[in-house]
Amino acid sequence: MRRVLNELAGPVCDDLEDSLELRQRGCIARRPCSETIDNLQEMRRGMQRAVSILCGGPRSVA
């Protein structure tokens, strides 16, 4: 899991930073690419599975 997070963290963070930087400058049309969104969703699912295994149930998403 660490390896996957390390491999994805750089490109995901770079894409998010680029999008946020452009948004701050007033360019609201630029959104993170679909690959970044997919990676974030997979990271979330992986963390939810890990928490479920470790804690014996789904984690509250409050």
N, C-alpha and C. Protein backbone atom coordinates (compact mmCIF):
# COMPACT_ATOMS: atom_id res chain seq x y z
N MET A 1 0.83 -1.19 0.00
CA MET A 1 0.00 0.00 0.00
C MET A 1 0.88 1.26 0.00
N ARG A 2 1.95 1.23 0.79
CA ARG A 2 2.85 2.39 0.81
C ARG A 2 3.46 2.66 -0.55
N ARG A 3 3.84 1.58 -1.23
CA ARG A 3 4.46 1.74 -2.54
C ARG A 3 3.49 2.43 -3.50
N VAL A 4 2.25 1.98 -3.50
CA VAL A 4 1.25 2.58 -4.38
C VAL A 4 1.04 4.05 -4.02
N LEU A 5 0.91 4.35 -2.74
CA LEU A 5 0.72 5.74 -2.32
C LEU A 5 1.91 6.60 -2.72
N ASN A 6 3.12 6.07 -2.55
CA ASN A 6 4.32 6.83 -2.93
C ASN A 6 4.38 7.08 -4.43
N GLU A 7 4.01 6.07 -5.22
CA GLU A 7 4.04 6.22 -6.67
C GLU A 7 3.00 7.21 -7.16
N LEU A 8 1.84 7.22 -6.54
CA LEU A 8 0.75 8.09 -7.01
C LEU A 8 0.78 9.48 -6.40
N ALA A 9 1.38 9.61 -5.24
CA ALA A 9 1.32 10.88 -4.51
C ALA A 9 1.89 12.03 -5.33
N GLY A 10 3.03 11.84 -5.96
CA GLY A 10 3.66 12.92 -6.72
C GLY A 10 2.78 13.46 -7.84
N PRO A 11 2.39 12.59 -8.79
CA PRO A 11 1.56 13.07 -9.89
C PRO A 11 0.20 13.63 -9.44
N VAL A 12 -0.41 13.00 -8.45
CA VAL A 12 -1.71 13.47 -7.96
C VAL A 12 -1.56 14.85 -7.34
N CYS A 13 -0.57 15.02 -6.48
CA CYS A 13 -0.35 16.33 -5.84
C CYS A 13 0.00 17.39 -6.87
N ASP A 14 0.84 17.04 -7.85
CA ASP A 14 1.21 18.01 -8.88
C ASP A 14 -0.01 18.48 -9.66
N ASP A 15 -0.87 17.55 -10.04
CA ASP A 15 -2.07 17.90 -10.80
C ASP A 15 -3.00 18.77 -9.96
N LEU A 16 -3.19 18.40 -8.69
CA LEU A 16 -4.05 19.21 -7.82
C LEU A 16 -3.48 20.60 -7.60
N GLU A 17 -2.17 20.69 -7.39
CA GLU A 17 -1.53 22.00 -7.19
C GLU A 17 -1.68 22.87 -8.43
N ASP A 18 -1.48 22.27 -9.62
CA ASP A 18 -1.65 23.04 -10.86
C ASP A 18 -3.07 23.57 -10.99
N SER A 19 -4.04 22.71 -10.71
CA SER A 19 -5.44 23.12 -10.81
C SER A 19 -5.77 24.24 -9.83
N LEU A 20 -5.31 24.09 -8.59
CA LEU A 20 -5.59 25.10 -7.57
C LEU A 20 -4.87 26.41 -7.86
N GLU A 21 -3.65 26.32 -8.38
CA GLU A 21 -2.91 27.54 -8.71
C GLU A 21 -3.61 28.31 -9.83
N LEU A 22 -4.07 27.61 -10.86
CA LEU A 22 -4.79 28.27 -11.94
C LEU A 22 -6.12 28.83 -11.45
N ARG A 23 -6.79 28.11 -10.58
CA ARG A 23 -8.06 28.58 -10.03
C ARG A 23 -7.84 29.87 -9.24
N GLN A 24 -6.73 29.92 -8.49
CA GLN A 24 -6.42 31.12 -7.71
C GLN A 24 -6.19 32.31 -8.63
N ARG A 25 -5.67 32.04 -9.82
CA ARG A 25 -5.42 33.12 -10.79
C ARG A 25 -6.68 33.49 -11.57
N GLY A 26 -7.76 32.76 -11.35
CA GLY A 26 -9.02 33.12 -11.99
C GLY A 26 -9.44 32.19 -13.11
N CYS A 27 -8.66 31.16 -13.41
CA CYS A 27 -9.00 30.21 -14.47
C CYS A 27 -9.78 29.06 -13.83
N ILE A 28 -11.11 29.16 -13.87
CA ILE A 28 -11.92 28.15 -13.19
C ILE A 28 -12.25 26.96 -14.09
N ALA A 29 -11.85 27.01 -15.36
CA ALA A 29 -12.18 25.93 -16.28
C ALA A 29 -11.27 24.71 -16.09
N ARG A 30 -10.12 24.89 -15.49
CA ARG A 30 -9.16 23.78 -15.32
C ARG A 30 -9.52 22.96 -14.10
N ARG A 31 -9.74 21.69 -14.30
CA ARG A 31 -10.03 20.77 -13.21
C ARG A 31 -8.97 19.68 -13.21
N PRO A 32 -8.81 19.00 -12.09
CA PRO A 32 -7.87 17.87 -12.08
C PRO A 32 -8.28 16.86 -13.15
N CYS A 33 -7.28 16.22 -13.76
CA CYS A 33 -7.58 15.26 -14.83
C CYS A 33 -8.33 14.05 -14.26
N SER A 34 -8.99 13.34 -15.14
CA SER A 34 -9.80 12.20 -14.71
C SER A 34 -8.94 11.12 -14.05
N GLU A 35 -7.70 10.97 -14.49
CA GLU A 35 -6.80 9.99 -13.87
C GLU A 35 -6.54 10.35 -12.41
N THR A 36 -6.37 11.63 -12.12
CA THR A 36 -6.16 12.07 -10.74
C THR A 36 -7.39 11.76 -9.89
N ILE A 37 -8.56 12.05 -10.41
CA ILE A 37 -9.80 11.77 -9.68
C ILE A 37 -9.94 10.27 -9.43
N ASP A 38 -9.65 9.46 -10.46
CA ASP A 38 -9.71 8.01 -10.31
C ASP A 38 -8.72 7.52 -9.25
N ASN A 39 -7.51 8.06 -9.27
CA ASN A 39 -6.50 7.67 -8.28
C ASN A 39 -6.93 8.03 -6.87
N LEU A 40 -7.51 9.22 -6.70
CA LEU A 40 -7.98 9.62 -5.38
C LEU A 40 -9.11 8.72 -4.89
N GLN A 41 -10.01 8.35 -5.79
CA GLN A 41 -11.10 7.46 -5.40
C GLN A 41 -10.57 6.08 -5.01
N GLU A 42 -9.57 5.58 -5.74
CA GLU A 42 -8.98 4.29 -5.40
C GLU A 42 -8.23 4.36 -4.07
N MET A 43 -7.54 5.48 -3.82
CA MET A 43 -6.86 5.66 -2.53
C MET A 43 -7.88 5.62 -1.39
N ARG A 44 -9.00 6.29 -1.60
CA ARG A 44 -10.04 6.32 -0.57
C ARG A 44 -10.60 4.92 -0.32
N ARG A 45 -10.88 4.19 -1.40
CA ARG A 45 -11.40 2.83 -1.24
C ARG A 45 -10.38 1.94 -0.53
N GLY A 46 -9.12 2.09 -0.87
CA GLY A 46 -8.07 1.30 -0.22
C GLY A 46 -7.97 1.60 1.26
N MET A 47 -8.07 2.87 1.61
CA MET A 47 -8.01 3.25 3.02
C MET A 47 -9.24 2.73 3.76
N GLN A 48 -10.40 2.78 3.13
CA GLN A 48 -11.61 2.25 3.76
C GLN A 48 -11.50 0.75 3.98
N ARG A 49 -10.92 0.02 3.02
CA ARG A 49 -10.71 -1.42 3.19
C ARG A 49 -9.75 -1.68 4.34
N ALA A 50 -8.67 -0.91 4.40
CA ALA A 50 -7.68 -1.09 5.46
C ALA A 50 -8.30 -0.83 6.84
N VAL A 51 -9.07 0.23 6.95
CA VAL A 51 -9.72 0.55 8.22
C VAL A 51 -10.71 -0.55 8.59
N SER A 52 -11.44 -1.04 7.60
CA SER A 52 -12.40 -2.11 7.85
C SER A 52 -11.70 -3.36 8.37
N ILE A 53 -10.58 -3.69 7.78
CA ILE A 53 -9.83 -4.87 8.22
C ILE A 53 -9.28 -4.67 9.63
N LEU A 54 -8.72 -3.49 9.87
CA LEU A 54 -8.10 -3.22 11.17
C LEU A 54 -9.11 -3.03 12.29
N CYS A 55 -10.22 -2.41 11.99
CA CYS A 55 -11.19 -2.06 13.04
C CYS A 55 -12.41 -2.98 13.05
N GLY A 56 -12.54 -3.82 12.08
CA GLY A 56 -13.65 -4.75 12.06
C GLY A 56 -14.95 -4.19 11.54
N GLY A 57 -14.93 -3.05 10.91
CA GLY A 57 -16.16 -2.48 10.37
C GLY A 57 -15.87 -1.24 9.57
N PRO A 58 -16.85 -0.73 8.86
CA PRO A 58 -16.64 0.48 8.05
C PRO A 58 -16.40 1.70 8.93
N ARG A 59 -15.60 2.59 8.41
CA ARG A 59 -15.29 3.81 9.13
C ARG A 59 -16.37 4.84 8.88
N SER A 60 -16.70 5.60 9.89
CA SER A 60 -17.66 6.69 9.75
C SER A 60 -17.05 7.79 8.91
N VAL A 61 -17.79 8.31 7.94
CA VAL A 61 -17.29 9.37 7.07
C VAL A 61 -17.99 10.67 7.43
N ALA A 62 -17.79 11.13 8.64
CA ALA A 62 -18.46 12.34 9.11
C ALA A 62 -17.65 13.57 8.86
